[in-house]
Amino acid sequence: MGNENKTLFKDNRIFMARRAYCSCNKEEAIEETKLINNIYAEFAEKYMAMPVVKGYKSESERFAGAEETLCIEALMQDGKALQAGTSHFLGQNFAKAFDVKFADKSGKLEHVWATSWGVSTRLMGALIMSHSDDNGLVLPPVLAPIQVIIIPVTKSKENVNEIEEKSNQYLIIKP
């Protein structure tokens, strides 16, 4: 799998974000932001077998409107890091802009303390980049307990023998 194929999942404009509005105090919202970042890091390391570094984004790298942005950076085979997930403490910025409120214990309306977090298909790209080479991709056993080989099918008969020979190199039959 050459580099041209491995970057398809890395370079994207589509991401999944989850927004959580906390009807709690500022400290609890900050703790939730840290908790989510820790969950992302644990999942990447334990299930995806992908080492990550947890950290904070600088003010210039932070999500627009966030007071704080935490991230996990996945370490790639080439020694570079790839942002694989983020968790944002939004404070009350968006809550005030959109007038999102909750009633506290005394019944008084307060603006929520908001968090937002997400991973993108870039996380899948990081998984592919971490566990593949020019011979293919081997997913971690926790994610793929049954390993398979995907065999391309050709439209011409000329390539069938070549594909069969290459496929047989990797075919493992277990009793």
N, C-alpha and C. Protein backbone atom coordinates (compact mmCIF):
# COMPACT_ATOMS: atom_id res chain seq x y z
N MET A 1 0.85 -1.17 0.00
CA MET A 1 0.00 0.00 0.00
C MET A 1 0.89 1.23 0.00
N GLY A 2 0.96 1.92 -1.09
CA GLY A 2 1.83 3.09 -1.19
C GLY A 2 1.26 4.27 -0.43
N ASN A 3 2.09 5.29 -0.23
CA ASN A 3 1.66 6.47 0.51
C ASN A 3 0.48 7.18 -0.13
N GLU A 4 0.36 7.08 -1.45
CA GLU A 4 -0.74 7.77 -2.13
C GLU A 4 -2.09 7.24 -1.66
N ASN A 5 -2.18 5.98 -1.27
CA ASN A 5 -3.44 5.41 -0.79
C ASN A 5 -3.64 5.64 0.70
N LYS A 6 -2.56 5.71 1.44
CA LYS A 6 -2.67 5.83 2.89
C LYS A 6 -3.16 7.21 3.32
N THR A 7 -2.98 8.22 2.49
CA THR A 7 -3.37 9.56 2.91
C THR A 7 -4.82 9.90 2.62
N LEU A 8 -5.54 9.02 1.93
CA LEU A 8 -6.94 9.31 1.60
C LEU A 8 -7.78 9.55 2.85
N PHE A 9 -7.55 8.80 3.90
CA PHE A 9 -8.31 8.96 5.13
C PHE A 9 -7.75 10.06 6.03
N LYS A 10 -6.56 10.53 5.72
CA LYS A 10 -5.91 11.54 6.55
C LYS A 10 -6.35 12.94 6.15
N ASP A 11 -6.44 13.21 4.86
CA ASP A 11 -6.77 14.53 4.36
C ASP A 11 -8.26 14.60 4.07
N ASN A 12 -9.01 15.21 4.98
CA ASN A 12 -10.45 15.25 4.79
C ASN A 12 -11.02 16.50 5.41
N ARG A 13 -12.25 16.75 5.08
CA ARG A 13 -12.95 17.89 5.64
C ARG A 13 -14.21 17.44 6.39
N ILE A 14 -14.33 16.15 6.57
CA ILE A 14 -15.50 15.60 7.25
C ILE A 14 -15.07 15.09 8.62
N PHE A 15 -15.79 15.44 9.65
CA PHE A 15 -15.46 14.95 10.98
C PHE A 15 -16.74 14.75 11.77
N MET A 16 -16.62 13.96 12.82
CA MET A 16 -17.75 13.73 13.71
C MET A 16 -17.46 14.50 14.99
N ALA A 17 -18.34 15.39 15.36
CA ALA A 17 -18.16 16.12 16.61
C ALA A 17 -19.36 15.85 17.50
N ARG A 18 -19.11 15.76 18.76
CA ARG A 18 -20.17 15.58 19.74
C ARG A 18 -20.13 16.81 20.64
N ARG A 19 -21.26 17.42 20.81
CA ARG A 19 -21.30 18.59 21.66
C ARG A 19 -22.07 18.21 22.91
N ALA A 20 -21.54 18.58 24.05
CA ALA A 20 -22.19 18.27 25.31
C ALA A 20 -22.36 19.57 26.08
N TYR A 21 -23.57 19.88 26.44
CA TYR A 21 -23.81 21.06 27.24
C TYR A 21 -23.95 20.62 28.68
N CYS A 22 -23.12 21.14 29.52
CA CYS A 22 -23.11 20.73 30.92
C CYS A 22 -23.92 21.73 31.74
N SER A 23 -24.92 21.24 32.41
CA SER A 23 -25.65 22.10 33.34
C SER A 23 -24.95 22.01 34.69
N CYS A 24 -23.64 22.20 34.62
CA CYS A 24 -22.81 22.08 35.81
C CYS A 24 -21.97 23.34 35.92
N ASN A 25 -20.97 23.26 36.74
CA ASN A 25 -20.12 24.43 36.88
C ASN A 25 -18.91 24.34 35.95
N LYS A 26 -18.15 25.38 35.92
CA LYS A 26 -17.00 25.48 35.02
C LYS A 26 -16.01 24.34 35.26
N GLU A 27 -15.71 24.05 36.52
CA GLU A 27 -14.73 23.01 36.85
C GLU A 27 -15.16 21.64 36.33
N GLU A 28 -16.46 21.31 36.47
CA GLU A 28 -16.95 20.02 35.98
C GLU A 28 -16.86 19.93 34.45
N ALA A 29 -17.12 21.03 33.76
CA ALA A 29 -17.01 21.04 32.30
C ALA A 29 -15.55 20.84 31.87
N ILE A 30 -14.63 21.46 32.58
CA ILE A 30 -13.20 21.29 32.27
C ILE A 30 -12.81 19.83 32.51
N GLU A 31 -13.29 19.24 33.61
CA GLU A 31 -12.99 17.84 33.90
C GLU A 31 -13.56 16.91 32.83
N GLU A 32 -14.75 17.22 32.31
CA GLU A 32 -15.33 16.41 31.24
C GLU A 32 -14.45 16.50 29.98
N THR A 33 -13.95 17.68 29.69
CA THR A 33 -13.07 17.86 28.53
C THR A 33 -11.84 16.97 28.66
N LYS A 34 -11.26 16.94 29.85
CA LYS A 34 -10.08 16.09 30.10
C LYS A 34 -10.45 14.60 30.02
N LEU A 35 -11.60 14.24 30.58
CA LEU A 35 -12.05 12.85 30.57
C LEU A 35 -12.19 12.32 29.14
N ILE A 36 -12.83 13.10 28.28
CA ILE A 36 -13.02 12.67 26.89
C ILE A 36 -11.67 12.50 26.20
N ASN A 37 -10.76 13.42 26.42
CA ASN A 37 -9.43 13.31 25.81
C ASN A 37 -8.73 12.03 26.29
N ASN A 38 -8.87 11.71 27.57
CA ASN A 38 -8.29 10.48 28.11
C ASN A 38 -8.94 9.23 27.49
N ILE A 39 -10.25 9.28 27.27
CA ILE A 39 -10.95 8.16 26.63
C ILE A 39 -10.43 7.95 25.22
N TYR A 40 -10.27 9.03 24.46
CA TYR A 40 -9.72 8.92 23.11
C TYR A 40 -8.33 8.31 23.14
N ALA A 41 -7.49 8.78 24.06
CA ALA A 41 -6.11 8.27 24.14
C ALA A 41 -6.11 6.78 24.49
N GLU A 42 -6.93 6.39 25.46
CA GLU A 42 -6.99 4.98 25.86
C GLU A 42 -7.47 4.10 24.70
N PHE A 43 -8.49 4.56 23.98
CA PHE A 43 -9.00 3.78 22.85
C PHE A 43 -7.92 3.62 21.78
N ALA A 44 -7.24 4.70 21.45
CA ALA A 44 -6.20 4.65 20.42
C ALA A 44 -5.09 3.68 20.81
N GLU A 45 -4.67 3.74 22.07
CA GLU A 45 -3.55 2.90 22.50
C GLU A 45 -3.97 1.45 22.76
N LYS A 46 -5.09 1.25 23.45
CA LYS A 46 -5.49 -0.10 23.86
C LYS A 46 -6.12 -0.90 22.73
N TYR A 47 -6.96 -0.27 21.94
CA TYR A 47 -7.70 -0.99 20.90
C TYR A 47 -7.08 -0.85 19.51
N MET A 48 -6.55 0.33 19.22
CA MET A 48 -5.98 0.56 17.90
C MET A 48 -4.47 0.28 17.86
N ALA A 49 -3.89 -0.03 19.03
CA ALA A 49 -2.45 -0.30 19.13
C ALA A 49 -1.64 0.81 18.47
N MET A 50 -2.03 2.05 18.79
CA MET A 50 -1.43 3.22 18.17
C MET A 50 -0.97 4.18 19.27
N PRO A 51 0.32 4.41 19.39
CA PRO A 51 0.79 5.31 20.44
C PRO A 51 0.36 6.75 20.17
N VAL A 52 -0.04 7.43 21.24
CA VAL A 52 -0.45 8.83 21.11
C VAL A 52 0.19 9.66 22.21
N VAL A 53 0.25 10.94 21.95
CA VAL A 53 0.69 11.92 22.95
C VAL A 53 -0.50 12.82 23.21
N LYS A 54 -0.84 12.98 24.50
CA LYS A 54 -1.93 13.88 24.88
C LYS A 54 -1.34 15.26 25.13
N GLY A 55 -2.11 16.28 24.79
CA GLY A 55 -1.61 17.62 25.05
C GLY A 55 -2.66 18.69 24.85
N TYR A 56 -2.21 19.93 24.97
CA TYR A 56 -3.06 21.10 24.77
C TYR A 56 -2.63 21.80 23.50
N LYS A 57 -3.58 22.33 22.77
CA LYS A 57 -3.27 23.13 21.59
C LYS A 57 -2.88 24.54 22.04
N SER A 58 -1.99 25.14 21.27
CA SER A 58 -1.62 26.53 21.56
C SER A 58 -2.82 27.42 21.24
N GLU A 59 -2.75 28.66 21.66
CA GLU A 59 -3.86 29.58 21.42
C GLU A 59 -4.16 29.71 19.93
N SER A 60 -3.14 29.71 19.09
CA SER A 60 -3.35 29.86 17.65
C SER A 60 -3.90 28.58 17.00
N GLU A 61 -3.70 27.42 17.64
CA GLU A 61 -4.19 26.15 17.10
C GLU A 61 -5.54 25.73 17.67
N ARG A 62 -5.95 26.39 18.71
CA ARG A 62 -7.18 26.05 19.43
C ARG A 62 -8.41 26.22 18.54
N PHE A 63 -9.44 25.42 18.81
CA PHE A 63 -10.72 25.52 18.11
C PHE A 63 -11.26 26.94 18.29
N ALA A 64 -11.74 27.54 17.20
CA ALA A 64 -12.25 28.92 17.25
C ALA A 64 -13.40 29.01 18.26
N GLY A 65 -13.27 29.90 19.19
CA GLY A 65 -14.29 30.09 20.21
C GLY A 65 -14.09 29.28 21.47
N ALA A 66 -13.15 28.35 21.45
CA ALA A 66 -12.89 27.51 22.63
C ALA A 66 -11.95 28.24 23.58
N GLU A 67 -12.14 27.99 24.86
CA GLU A 67 -11.21 28.52 25.85
C GLU A 67 -9.98 27.63 25.96
N GLU A 68 -10.17 26.34 25.71
CA GLU A 68 -9.08 25.36 25.80
C GLU A 68 -9.36 24.22 24.83
N THR A 69 -8.33 23.74 24.15
CA THR A 69 -8.46 22.58 23.27
C THR A 69 -7.41 21.55 23.64
N LEU A 70 -7.88 20.36 23.98
CA LEU A 70 -6.99 19.23 24.26
C LEU A 70 -6.98 18.34 23.03
N CYS A 71 -5.91 17.58 22.87
CA CYS A 71 -5.82 16.73 21.68
C CYS A 71 -5.03 15.47 21.97
N ILE A 72 -5.19 14.51 21.07
CA ILE A 72 -4.28 13.37 21.03
C ILE A 72 -3.60 13.43 19.67
N GLU A 73 -2.29 13.28 19.69
CA GLU A 73 -1.49 13.26 18.47
C GLU A 73 -0.97 11.84 18.32
N ALA A 74 -1.35 11.19 17.22
CA ALA A 74 -0.92 9.82 16.96
C ALA A 74 0.47 9.84 16.34
N LEU A 75 1.33 8.96 16.82
CA LEU A 75 2.70 8.89 16.31
C LEU A 75 2.75 7.92 15.13
N MET A 76 3.19 8.43 13.99
CA MET A 76 3.24 7.65 12.76
C MET A 76 4.59 6.96 12.59
N GLN A 77 4.64 6.00 11.66
CA GLN A 77 5.86 5.23 11.41
C GLN A 77 7.03 6.12 10.97
N ASP A 78 6.72 7.22 10.30
CA ASP A 78 7.79 8.10 9.82
C ASP A 78 8.27 9.09 10.88
N GLY A 79 7.78 8.95 12.11
CA GLY A 79 8.20 9.81 13.20
C GLY A 79 7.39 11.08 13.35
N LYS A 80 6.47 11.32 12.44
CA LYS A 80 5.63 12.51 12.52
C LYS A 80 4.39 12.21 13.35
N ALA A 81 3.72 13.27 13.77
CA ALA A 81 2.50 13.14 14.55
C ALA A 81 1.31 13.60 13.71
N LEU A 82 0.16 12.99 13.96
CA LEU A 82 -1.06 13.32 13.25
C LEU A 82 -2.16 13.54 14.28
N GLN A 83 -2.80 14.71 14.24
CA GLN A 83 -3.89 14.98 15.18
C GLN A 83 -5.00 13.97 14.96
N ALA A 84 -5.33 13.21 15.99
CA ALA A 84 -6.30 12.12 15.84
C ALA A 84 -7.60 12.35 16.60
N GLY A 85 -7.65 13.33 17.45
CA GLY A 85 -8.87 13.62 18.19
C GLY A 85 -8.70 14.88 19.01
N THR A 86 -9.82 15.57 19.24
CA THR A 86 -9.76 16.80 20.05
C THR A 86 -10.94 16.84 21.01
N SER A 87 -10.74 17.57 22.07
CA SER A 87 -11.77 17.80 23.08
C SER A 87 -11.66 19.27 23.48
N HIS A 88 -12.77 20.00 23.36
CA HIS A 88 -12.74 21.44 23.57
C HIS A 88 -13.57 21.86 24.78
N PHE A 89 -13.00 22.73 25.58
CA PHE A 89 -13.77 23.40 26.63
C PHE A 89 -14.21 24.72 26.01
N LEU A 90 -15.52 24.85 25.77
CA LEU A 90 -16.04 26.02 25.09
C LEU A 90 -16.43 27.14 26.04
N GLY A 91 -16.37 26.86 27.34
CA GLY A 91 -16.79 27.87 28.30
C GLY A 91 -18.26 28.20 28.10
N GLN A 92 -18.57 29.49 28.16
CA GLN A 92 -19.95 29.93 27.94
C GLN A 92 -20.08 30.76 26.65
N ASN A 93 -19.02 30.78 25.84
CA ASN A 93 -19.02 31.60 24.63
C ASN A 93 -20.20 31.32 23.72
N PHE A 94 -20.38 30.06 23.32
CA PHE A 94 -21.47 29.71 22.42
C PHE A 94 -22.81 29.74 23.14
N ALA A 95 -22.82 29.38 24.42
CA ALA A 95 -24.06 29.40 25.20
C ALA A 95 -24.63 30.82 25.24
N LYS A 96 -23.77 31.80 25.42
CA LYS A 96 -24.23 33.19 25.44
C LYS A 96 -24.65 33.64 24.05
N ALA A 97 -23.91 33.24 23.03
CA ALA A 97 -24.23 33.64 21.65
C ALA A 97 -25.58 33.07 21.21
N PHE A 98 -25.91 31.85 21.66
CA PHE A 98 -27.17 31.21 21.26
C PHE A 98 -28.19 31.16 22.39
N ASP A 99 -27.86 31.81 23.50
CA ASP A 99 -28.74 31.90 24.66
C ASP A 99 -29.21 30.53 25.15
N VAL A 100 -28.25 29.63 25.35
CA VAL A 100 -28.54 28.28 25.85
C VAL A 100 -28.40 28.31 27.37
N LYS A 101 -29.50 28.04 28.07
CA LYS A 101 -29.50 28.16 29.53
C LYS A 101 -30.08 26.91 30.19
N PHE A 102 -29.83 26.81 31.48
CA PHE A 102 -30.43 25.76 32.31
C PHE A 102 -30.84 26.39 33.64
N ALA A 103 -31.71 25.70 34.34
CA ALA A 103 -32.13 26.16 35.66
C ALA A 103 -31.24 25.49 36.70
N ASP A 104 -30.55 26.29 37.50
CA ASP A 104 -29.69 25.70 38.54
C ASP A 104 -30.56 25.18 39.69
N LYS A 105 -29.91 24.70 40.76
CA LYS A 105 -30.65 24.08 41.87
C LYS A 105 -31.66 25.02 42.52
N SER A 106 -31.37 26.30 42.47
CA SER A 106 -32.30 27.27 43.07
C SER A 106 -33.36 27.73 42.07
N GLY A 107 -33.26 27.25 40.82
CA GLY A 107 -34.24 27.63 39.80
C GLY A 107 -33.80 28.82 38.96
N LYS A 108 -32.65 29.37 39.27
CA LYS A 108 -32.14 30.52 38.52
C LYS A 108 -31.59 30.05 37.17
N LEU A 109 -31.92 30.79 36.10
CA LEU A 109 -31.42 30.46 34.77
C LEU A 109 -29.97 30.90 34.62
N GLU A 110 -29.15 29.99 34.18
CA GLU A 110 -27.71 30.24 33.96
C GLU A 110 -27.34 29.75 32.57
N HIS A 111 -26.34 30.38 31.97
CA HIS A 111 -25.81 29.86 30.70
C HIS A 111 -25.04 28.56 30.98
N VAL A 112 -25.18 27.61 30.07
CA VAL A 112 -24.50 26.32 30.24
C VAL A 112 -22.99 26.50 30.03
N TRP A 113 -22.25 25.56 30.59
CA TRP A 113 -20.82 25.44 30.32
C TRP A 113 -20.70 24.32 29.29
N ALA A 114 -20.19 24.64 28.13
CA ALA A 114 -20.24 23.70 27.01
C ALA A 114 -18.88 23.07 26.72
N THR A 115 -18.97 21.84 26.23
CA THR A 115 -17.79 21.14 25.72
C THR A 115 -18.14 20.60 24.34
N SER A 116 -17.14 20.31 23.58
CA SER A 116 -17.33 19.72 22.26
C SER A 116 -16.15 18.81 22.01
N TRP A 117 -16.39 17.66 21.42
CA TRP A 117 -15.29 16.72 21.21
C TRP A 117 -15.57 15.88 20.00
N GLY A 118 -14.52 15.38 19.38
CA GLY A 118 -14.73 14.54 18.22
C GLY A 118 -13.45 13.99 17.62
N VAL A 119 -13.66 13.00 16.80
CA VAL A 119 -12.59 12.43 15.99
C VAL A 119 -13.08 12.49 14.55
N SER A 120 -12.18 12.37 13.62
CA SER A 120 -12.56 12.42 12.22
C SER A 120 -12.12 11.14 11.53
N THR A 121 -12.38 11.07 10.25
CA THR A 121 -11.87 9.92 9.50
C THR A 121 -10.35 9.92 9.51
N ARG A 122 -9.77 11.02 9.96
CA ARG A 122 -8.32 11.07 10.13
C ARG A 122 -7.84 10.00 11.12
N LEU A 123 -8.69 9.66 12.10
CA LEU A 123 -8.34 8.60 13.04
C LEU A 123 -8.19 7.27 12.30
N MET A 124 -9.06 7.04 11.31
CA MET A 124 -8.93 5.83 10.49
C MET A 124 -7.66 5.90 9.65
N GLY A 125 -7.36 7.08 9.14
CA GLY A 125 -6.11 7.26 8.39
C GLY A 125 -4.91 6.97 9.25
N ALA A 126 -4.95 7.42 10.50
CA ALA A 126 -3.84 7.15 11.43
C ALA A 126 -3.70 5.65 11.68
N LEU A 127 -4.83 4.96 11.83
CA LEU A 127 -4.80 3.51 12.01
C LEU A 127 -4.15 2.83 10.81
N ILE A 128 -4.56 3.22 9.62
CA ILE A 128 -3.99 2.64 8.40
C ILE A 128 -2.51 2.96 8.29
N MET A 129 -2.14 4.21 8.56
CA MET A 129 -0.73 4.59 8.45
C MET A 129 0.13 3.90 9.50
N SER A 130 -0.44 3.60 10.65
CA SER A 130 0.31 2.94 11.73
C SER A 130 0.55 1.46 11.47
N HIS A 131 -0.37 0.82 10.77
CA HIS A 131 -0.33 -0.64 10.66
C HIS A 131 -0.23 -1.16 9.22
N SER A 132 0.28 -0.33 8.34
CA SER A 132 0.40 -0.78 6.95
C SER A 132 1.79 -0.46 6.41
N ASP A 133 2.10 -1.15 5.34
CA ASP A 133 3.32 -0.90 4.60
C ASP A 133 3.04 -1.22 3.14
N ASP A 134 4.06 -1.32 2.34
CA ASP A 134 3.85 -1.58 0.92
C ASP A 134 3.27 -2.97 0.65
N ASN A 135 3.26 -3.84 1.66
CA ASN A 135 2.70 -5.19 1.49
C ASN A 135 1.25 -5.28 1.93
N GLY A 136 0.72 -4.24 2.53
CA GLY A 136 -0.68 -4.27 2.92
C GLY A 136 -0.92 -3.73 4.32
N LEU A 137 -2.06 -4.06 4.85
CA LEU A 137 -2.53 -3.57 6.14
C LEU A 137 -2.85 -4.75 7.04
N VAL A 138 -2.35 -4.72 8.27
CA VAL A 138 -2.70 -5.73 9.28
C VAL A 138 -3.29 -4.97 10.46
N LEU A 139 -4.59 -5.13 10.65
CA LEU A 139 -5.26 -4.44 11.75
C LEU A 139 -4.96 -5.14 13.07
N PRO A 140 -4.95 -4.39 14.18
CA PRO A 140 -4.71 -5.00 15.49
C PRO A 140 -5.76 -6.06 15.79
N PRO A 141 -5.36 -7.17 16.42
CA PRO A 141 -6.29 -8.27 16.70
C PRO A 141 -7.51 -7.87 17.53
N VAL A 142 -7.38 -6.87 18.37
CA VAL A 142 -8.54 -6.44 19.17
C VAL A 142 -9.62 -5.86 18.25
N LEU A 143 -9.22 -5.16 17.21
CA LEU A 143 -10.18 -4.60 16.26
C LEU A 143 -10.61 -5.61 15.21
N ALA A 144 -9.70 -6.49 14.83
CA ALA A 144 -9.98 -7.47 13.78
C ALA A 144 -9.53 -8.85 14.22
N PRO A 145 -10.34 -9.52 15.08
CA PRO A 145 -9.94 -10.83 15.58
C PRO A 145 -9.81 -11.88 14.48
N ILE A 146 -10.51 -11.67 13.38
CA ILE A 146 -10.38 -12.56 12.22
C ILE A 146 -9.69 -11.76 11.13
N GLN A 147 -8.50 -12.20 10.78
CA GLN A 147 -7.73 -11.50 9.75
C GLN A 147 -8.13 -12.03 8.38
N VAL A 148 -8.32 -11.14 7.44
CA VAL A 148 -8.67 -11.52 6.07
C VAL A 148 -7.75 -10.80 5.10
N ILE A 149 -7.72 -11.31 3.91
CA ILE A 149 -6.99 -10.65 2.84
C ILE A 149 -8.00 -10.27 1.77
N ILE A 150 -7.94 -9.03 1.34
CA ILE A 150 -8.84 -8.56 0.29
C ILE A 150 -8.12 -8.76 -1.04
N ILE A 151 -8.78 -9.46 -1.93
CA ILE A 151 -8.18 -9.79 -3.22
C ILE A 151 -8.88 -8.97 -4.31
N PRO A 152 -8.12 -8.14 -5.01
CA PRO A 152 -8.75 -7.37 -6.10
C PRO A 152 -9.13 -8.29 -7.26
N VAL A 153 -10.22 -7.98 -7.90
CA VAL A 153 -10.68 -8.76 -9.04
C VAL A 153 -10.44 -7.92 -10.29
N THR A 154 -9.83 -8.55 -11.27
CA THR A 154 -9.49 -7.84 -12.50
C THR A 154 -10.51 -8.13 -13.59
N LYS A 155 -10.62 -7.21 -14.52
CA LYS A 155 -11.55 -7.39 -15.64
C LYS A 155 -10.92 -8.20 -16.77
N SER A 156 -9.60 -8.27 -16.81
CA SER A 156 -8.96 -9.01 -17.89
C SER A 156 -8.38 -10.32 -17.37
N LYS A 157 -8.38 -11.34 -18.20
CA LYS A 157 -7.86 -12.65 -17.82
C LYS A 157 -6.34 -12.65 -17.75
N GLU A 158 -5.71 -11.66 -18.35
CA GLU A 158 -4.24 -11.60 -18.38
C GLU A 158 -3.65 -11.48 -16.98
N ASN A 159 -4.35 -10.79 -16.10
CA ASN A 159 -3.81 -10.54 -14.76
C ASN A 159 -4.22 -11.59 -13.73
N VAL A 160 -5.10 -12.51 -14.08
CA VAL A 160 -5.61 -13.48 -13.12
C VAL A 160 -4.49 -14.32 -12.52
N ASN A 161 -3.59 -14.85 -13.34
CA ASN A 161 -2.49 -15.66 -12.83
C ASN A 161 -1.58 -14.86 -11.91
N GLU A 162 -1.30 -13.64 -12.29
CA GLU A 162 -0.45 -12.77 -11.46
C GLU A 162 -1.10 -12.51 -10.10
N ILE A 163 -2.38 -12.23 -10.11
CA ILE A 163 -3.11 -11.99 -8.85
C ILE A 163 -3.14 -13.26 -8.01
N GLU A 164 -3.36 -14.40 -8.64
CA GLU A 164 -3.39 -15.67 -7.92
C GLU A 164 -2.04 -15.94 -7.27
N GLU A 165 -0.95 -15.73 -7.99
CA GLU A 165 0.39 -15.96 -7.45
C GLU A 165 0.65 -15.05 -6.25
N LYS A 166 0.33 -13.77 -6.40
CA LYS A 166 0.55 -12.83 -5.29
C LYS A 166 -0.34 -13.17 -4.10
N SER A 167 -1.59 -13.55 -4.35
CA SER A 167 -2.52 -13.89 -3.28
C SER A 167 -2.04 -15.10 -2.50
N ASN A 168 -1.52 -16.10 -3.20
CA ASN A 168 -1.04 -17.31 -2.54
C ASN A 168 0.13 -17.05 -1.61
N GLN A 169 0.88 -16.00 -1.85
CA GLN A 169 2.00 -15.64 -0.96
C GLN A 169 1.48 -15.31 0.43
N TYR A 170 0.28 -14.75 0.51
CA TYR A 170 -0.26 -14.27 1.78
C TYR A 170 -1.35 -15.16 2.36
N LEU A 171 -1.77 -16.16 1.64
CA LEU A 171 -2.85 -17.02 2.08
C LEU A 171 -2.40 -17.92 3.22
N ILE A 172 -3.10 -17.84 4.31
CA ILE A 172 -2.81 -18.68 5.47
C ILE A 172 -4.09 -19.43 5.80
N ILE A 173 -4.02 -20.73 5.77
CA ILE A 173 -5.19 -21.55 6.10
C ILE A 173 -4.93 -22.20 7.45
N LYS A 174 -5.80 -21.87 8.39
CA LYS A 174 -5.68 -22.44 9.73
C LYS A 174 -6.68 -23.56 9.89
N PRO A 175 -6.26 -24.67 10.54
CA PRO A 175 -7.18 -25.80 10.73
C PRO A 175 -8.33 -25.44 11.66
